[in-house]
Protein backbone atom coordinates (compact mmCIF):
# COMPACT_ATOMS: atom_id res chain seq x y z
CA MET A 1 0.28 0.04 -0.18
CA THR A 2 2.71 2.38 0.59
CA PHE A 3 4.24 1.94 -2.43
CA SER A 4 0.93 2.52 -4.51
CA ILE A 5 0.16 6.03 -2.25
CA THR A 6 3.83 6.94 -3.26
CA ARG A 7 3.06 6.08 -6.90
CA ARG A 8 0.07 7.90 -6.88
CA ASP A 9 1.41 11.09 -5.21
CA LEU A 10 4.48 10.81 -7.51
CA LEU A 11 2.27 11.00 -10.69
CA ILE A 12 0.03 14.10 -9.29
CA GLY A 13 3.09 15.92 -8.21
CA SER A 14 4.84 15.59 -11.38
CA ALA A 15 1.70 16.93 -13.40
CA ALA A 16 1.55 19.83 -11.21
CA GLY A 17 5.21 20.56 -11.22
CA LEU A 18 5.05 20.65 -15.14
CA GLY A 19 2.44 22.99 -15.23
CA ALA A 20 4.16 25.25 -12.93
CA ILE A 21 6.90 25.33 -15.18
CA GLY A 22 4.57 26.43 -18.03
CA LEU A 23 2.93 29.12 -15.90
CA THR A 24 6.43 30.43 -15.60
CA GLY A 25 6.79 31.00 -19.14
CA CYS A 26 9.60 27.70 -19.34
CA ASP A 27 7.13 25.69 -21.49
CA GLU A 28 9.99 24.96 -23.86
CA VAL A 29 11.84 23.24 -21.33
CA ALA A 30 9.39 21.11 -20.35
CA GLN A 31 8.75 20.15 -23.94
CA SER A 32 12.33 19.83 -24.57
CA ALA A 33 13.47 16.46 -26.41
CA LYS A 34 16.05 16.06 -23.17
CA VAL A 35 13.36 16.55 -20.68
CA GLN A 36 11.02 14.41 -22.18
CA ALA A 37 13.74 11.32 -22.62
CA VAL A 38 14.50 11.60 -18.76
CA LEU A 39 10.75 11.45 -18.20
CA ALA A 40 10.07 8.32 -20.45
CA MET A 41 13.25 6.51 -18.81
CA ALA A 42 11.48 7.42 -15.53
CA GLU A 43 8.23 5.73 -16.58
CA THR A 44 10.20 2.54 -18.17
CA LEU A 45 12.17 2.10 -14.84
CA THR A 46 8.89 2.36 -12.60
CA MET A 47 6.84 0.05 -14.74
CA LYS A 48 9.59 -2.44 -14.84
CA SER A 49 10.03 -2.21 -11.26
CA GLN A 50 6.51 -2.53 -10.16
CA ARG A 51 6.14 -5.63 -12.43
CA LEU A 52 9.02 -7.16 -10.89
CA LEU A 53 7.98 -6.31 -7.33
CA VAL A 54 4.23 -7.51 -8.11
CA PRO A 55 3.43 -10.59 -9.91
CA GLY A 56 1.30 -10.43 -13.08
CA ASP A 57 -1.61 -11.69 -11.83
CA ARG A 58 -1.70 -9.95 -8.55
CA LEU A 59 -5.05 -8.73 -7.38
CA ALA A 60 -5.86 -5.31 -6.78
CA ARG A 61 -7.45 -4.92 -3.14
CA GLU A 62 -11.30 -5.94 -3.53
CA PHE A 63 -13.82 -4.65 -0.64
CA SER A 64 -17.11 -5.80 0.92
CA GLU A 65 -20.38 -4.24 -0.07
CA ALA A 66 -20.38 -2.29 3.22
CA ASP A 67 -17.60 -0.41 1.87
CA LEU A 68 -19.22 0.97 -0.94
CA SER A 69 -19.26 4.92 -1.33
CA PRO A 70 -22.58 6.59 -1.22
CA THR A 71 -22.02 8.56 -4.14
CA PHE A 72 -19.47 7.52 -7.06
CA ARG A 73 -18.73 10.86 -9.01
CA SER A 74 -18.25 10.61 -12.96
CA ASN A 75 -14.75 11.33 -13.87
CA GLY A 76 -13.78 13.07 -17.29
CA THR A 77 -17.08 13.56 -19.94
CA SER A 78 -20.19 13.13 -18.40
CA GLN A 79 -22.42 12.86 -21.77
CA PRO A 80 -20.53 12.44 -25.61
CA ASP A 81 -21.49 15.25 -27.73
CA GLY A 82 -22.86 14.64 -31.01
CA ASP A 83 -26.45 13.17 -32.46
CA GLU A 84 -24.98 9.62 -33.16
CA TYR A 85 -24.43 8.99 -29.43
CA ALA A 86 -27.87 10.54 -28.51
CA ARG A 87 -29.54 7.91 -30.93
CA MET A 88 -27.84 5.28 -29.25
CA ILE A 89 -29.22 6.24 -25.83
CA ALA A 90 -32.76 6.79 -27.64
CA THR A 91 -32.81 3.41 -28.29
CA GLY A 92 -31.39 1.99 -25.03
CA PHE A 93 -27.91 1.12 -27.48
CA ALA A 94 -29.66 -1.81 -29.25
CA ASP A 95 -27.59 -0.31 -32.46
CA TRP A 96 -24.15 -0.28 -30.50
CA ARG A 97 -21.64 -2.49 -31.36
CA LEU A 98 -18.27 -3.24 -30.09
CA LYS A 99 -15.73 -3.97 -32.59
CA ILE A 100 -12.67 -5.79 -32.07
CA ASP A 101 -10.13 -5.51 -34.86
CA GLY A 102 -6.49 -5.07 -35.84
CA LEU A 103 -4.07 -7.78 -35.46
CA VAL A 104 -6.49 -10.66 -34.92
CA GLU A 105 -7.21 -13.63 -36.73
CA ARG A 106 -11.00 -13.13 -36.38
CA PRO A 107 -12.47 -9.52 -35.96
CA VAL A 108 -16.11 -9.26 -34.47
CA ALA A 109 -18.51 -6.71 -33.62
CA LEU A 110 -20.70 -7.57 -30.48
CA SER A 111 -23.77 -6.02 -29.15
CA LEU A 112 -24.54 -5.29 -25.58
CA ALA A 113 -26.53 -8.52 -25.37
CA ASP A 114 -23.88 -10.58 -26.93
CA LEU A 115 -21.37 -9.43 -23.94
CA LYS A 116 -24.07 -9.86 -21.25
CA ARG A 117 -24.57 -13.51 -22.60
CA LEU A 118 -20.50 -14.19 -21.79
CA PRO A 119 -18.97 -15.58 -18.33
CA SER A 120 -18.72 -12.46 -16.39
CA ARG A 121 -16.96 -11.11 -13.36
CA THR A 122 -17.98 -8.87 -10.56
CA GLN A 123 -15.47 -7.07 -8.46
CA ILE A 124 -15.54 -4.22 -5.62
CA THR A 125 -12.43 -2.01 -5.78
CA ARG A 126 -11.04 1.43 -5.38
CA HIS A 127 -11.01 3.90 -8.42
CA ASP A 128 -8.36 6.52 -8.08
CA CYS A 129 -8.24 9.57 -9.75
CA VAL A 130 -5.06 11.41 -10.65
CA GLU A 131 -7.28 14.56 -9.47
CA GLY A 132 -7.07 13.16 -5.80
CA TRP A 133 -10.28 11.76 -5.20
CA SER A 134 -11.21 7.96 -4.34
CA ALA A 135 -14.29 6.05 -4.51
CA ILE A 136 -15.22 2.42 -3.98
CA GLY A 137 -17.65 0.64 -6.25
CA LYS A 138 -19.41 -2.66 -7.41
CA TRP A 139 -18.39 -3.30 -10.99
CA THR A 140 -19.76 -6.10 -13.13
CA GLY A 141 -18.34 -7.02 -16.76
CA VAL A 142 -16.82 -9.47 -19.23
CA PRO A 143 -13.31 -10.44 -18.44
CA LEU A 144 -11.12 -8.93 -21.58
CA GLY A 145 -8.46 -11.63 -21.52
CA PRO A 146 -10.78 -14.38 -22.88
CA ILE A 147 -12.55 -11.95 -25.40
CA LEU A 148 -8.87 -11.57 -26.83
CA GLN A 149 -8.39 -15.37 -26.76
CA SER A 150 -11.30 -16.02 -28.67
CA VAL A 151 -10.72 -13.58 -31.97
CA GLY A 152 -7.26 -15.08 -32.05
CA LEU A 153 -4.29 -12.82 -31.25
CA LYS A 154 -1.86 -12.55 -34.33
CA PRO A 155 2.25 -12.86 -33.22
CA THR A 156 3.11 -9.12 -33.27
CA ALA A 157 0.02 -8.01 -31.17
CA ARG A 158 1.44 -6.25 -28.08
CA TYR A 159 -1.36 -3.71 -27.36
CA ALA A 160 -4.96 -2.96 -26.97
CA VAL A 161 -6.34 0.33 -27.97
CA PHE A 162 -9.56 1.35 -26.57
CA TYR A 163 -11.37 4.10 -29.00
CA CYS A 164 -14.56 6.13 -27.07
CA ALA A 165 -17.64 7.97 -28.26
CA ASP A 166 -16.24 11.06 -26.53
CA GLN A 167 -14.38 13.91 -27.71
CA LEU A 168 -12.94 16.16 -25.07
CA GLU A 169 -11.56 18.55 -27.68
CA GLN A 170 -13.33 19.40 -31.20
CA THR A 171 -10.50 18.81 -33.70
CA ILE A 172 -10.33 17.58 -37.07
CA ASP A 173 -7.59 14.86 -37.41
CA GLY A 174 -9.70 13.03 -34.62
CA SER A 175 -6.87 13.88 -31.93
CA GLY A 176 -9.19 15.08 -29.21
CA THR A 177 -11.40 11.70 -28.89
CA TYR A 178 -10.52 9.96 -25.80
CA TYR A 179 -8.72 6.82 -26.11
CA GLU A 180 -6.56 4.77 -24.28
CA SER A 181 -4.35 1.57 -24.32
CA VAL A 182 -2.62 -1.35 -22.37
CA ASP A 183 -0.17 -3.90 -23.07
CA LEU A 184 -1.29 -7.55 -23.24
CA ILE A 185 -0.08 -8.08 -19.59
CA ASP A 186 -2.87 -5.71 -18.25
CA ALA A 187 -5.23 -6.78 -20.84
CA PHE A 188 -4.94 -10.10 -19.75
CA HIS A 189 -4.97 -9.11 -15.81
CA PRO A 190 -8.08 -11.15 -14.18
CA GLN A 191 -9.39 -7.62 -12.83
CA THR A 192 -9.36 -5.98 -16.53
CA ILE A 193 -13.23 -6.47 -17.49
CA LEU A 194 -15.17 -4.60 -19.91
CA ALA A 195 -18.03 -3.09 -17.53
CA TYR A 196 -21.63 -2.79 -17.95
CA GLN A 197 -22.68 -2.26 -14.45
CA LEU A 198 -22.08 -0.22 -11.57
CA ASN A 199 -23.43 -1.15 -8.42
CA GLY A 200 -26.03 -3.94 -9.65
CA LYS A 201 -27.39 -1.40 -12.34
CA ASP A 202 -26.45 -0.73 -16.32
CA LEU A 203 -24.14 1.83 -16.44
CA GLU A 204 -25.53 5.42 -16.65
CA VAL A 205 -24.56 7.66 -19.15
CA ALA A 206 -22.45 9.91 -17.02
CA HIS A 207 -20.25 6.65 -15.84
CA GLY A 208 -19.48 5.03 -19.25
CA ALA A 209 -22.76 3.31 -20.62
CA PRO A 210 -23.06 1.01 -22.71
CA LEU A 211 -19.55 -0.15 -21.83
CA ARG A 212 -16.20 1.02 -20.05
CA LEU A 213 -12.80 -0.17 -19.15
CA ARG A 214 -11.90 -1.12 -15.86
CA VAL A 215 -8.19 -1.76 -15.47
CA GLU A 216 -7.93 -2.00 -11.53
CA ARG A 217 -4.23 -1.62 -11.00
CA HIS A 218 -4.15 1.62 -12.92
CA LEU A 219 -5.23 5.41 -11.94
CA GLY A 220 -8.52 6.26 -13.32
CA TYR A 221 -7.50 7.89 -16.57
CA LYS A 222 -7.00 4.61 -18.04
CA HIS A 223 -10.43 3.55 -17.19
CA ALA A 224 -11.80 4.49 -20.92
CA LYS A 225 -15.54 5.06 -20.91
CA TYR A 226 -18.00 4.88 -24.25
CA LEU A 227 -16.14 2.12 -25.56
CA MET A 228 -17.13 1.67 -29.33
CA ARG A 229 -14.11 -0.10 -30.51
CA ILE A 230 -10.79 -2.09 -29.68
CA GLU A 231 -7.76 -2.37 -31.56
CA ILE A 232 -4.75 -4.90 -31.50
CA LYS A 233 -1.86 -3.17 -32.41
CA GLU A 234 2.07 -3.86 -32.42
CA SER A 235 2.68 0.06 -31.94
CA PHE A 236 0.72 3.09 -31.13
CA ALA A 237 3.54 5.23 -32.70
CA SER A 238 0.84 6.20 -35.46
CA LEU A 239 -1.63 7.51 -33.04
CA TRP A 240 -2.22 11.14 -32.99
CA GLY A 241 0.48 12.24 -30.36
CA GLY A 242 2.07 9.01 -30.46
CA LYS A 243 1.82 8.31 -26.78
CA GLY A 244 -0.78 5.80 -26.37
CA GLY A 245 -3.82 7.98 -24.93
CA PHE A 246 -5.73 11.18 -24.95
CA TRP A 247 -4.05 12.57 -21.67
CA GLU A 248 -0.61 10.99 -22.08
CA ASP A 249 -0.24 12.77 -25.53
CA ARG A 250 -0.75 15.98 -23.25
CA GLY A 251 1.90 14.90 -20.78
CA TYR A 252 0.68 12.18 -18.50
CA GLU A 253 2.27 9.13 -18.41
CA TRP A 254 1.17 5.86 -20.03
CA TYR A 255 2.03 3.69 -17.64
CA ALA A 256 0.01 4.48 -14.80
CA GLY A 257 0.19 1.60 -12.60
CA ILE A 258 -0.62 1.78 -8.72
């Protein structure tokens, strides 16, 4: 637990520190190649150290129903803009499909009903937001690992990239669309699920309906909401900022393990 808290505080402190540099008119320092290289080295060291110390299948702490938070705040977008998502809400997501493609042998498009027919997992875990708040909730969904096994990963597969329905910035090139990624170690972790329920009820729009990622050993910004597509890739270098996620493209660490 001490390691997790230190890790979280370090990430928050690093973001605050970079913000302070920007406010003093030194953006060029924070954005310099040398500074970015040092930060990348530190992140790689953190990931390797944590994975050396913590077995790959070690579970994040799970709680009892007595520990559930009275309210569970909505993080990020509370509802995606646009007519397409509004239509999905109006039809109860009947026409929504989760596409899984990329470096797979058998691409699929799964309805919410399809996912609910698959073996599920329920877990009561704590959501830790980089903004400094936490909440405990009961999540039910489909473990991601077996789904990826069923579509047949190609030998060069390394990452799962999650594309979402929400845009935090309106951009022509799509760089404002929320997306996230994890490597296959985290994708196959037992607590990594595609969640469709929170506290025994179908996800509300504010919490990511109809489907969101839960990757319980990471900070909250990795838990992508409003999932539309999962692409299996060898690298995310070709994606927008090339850092593997919306916030990562804007300076956050890609590896947000806690």
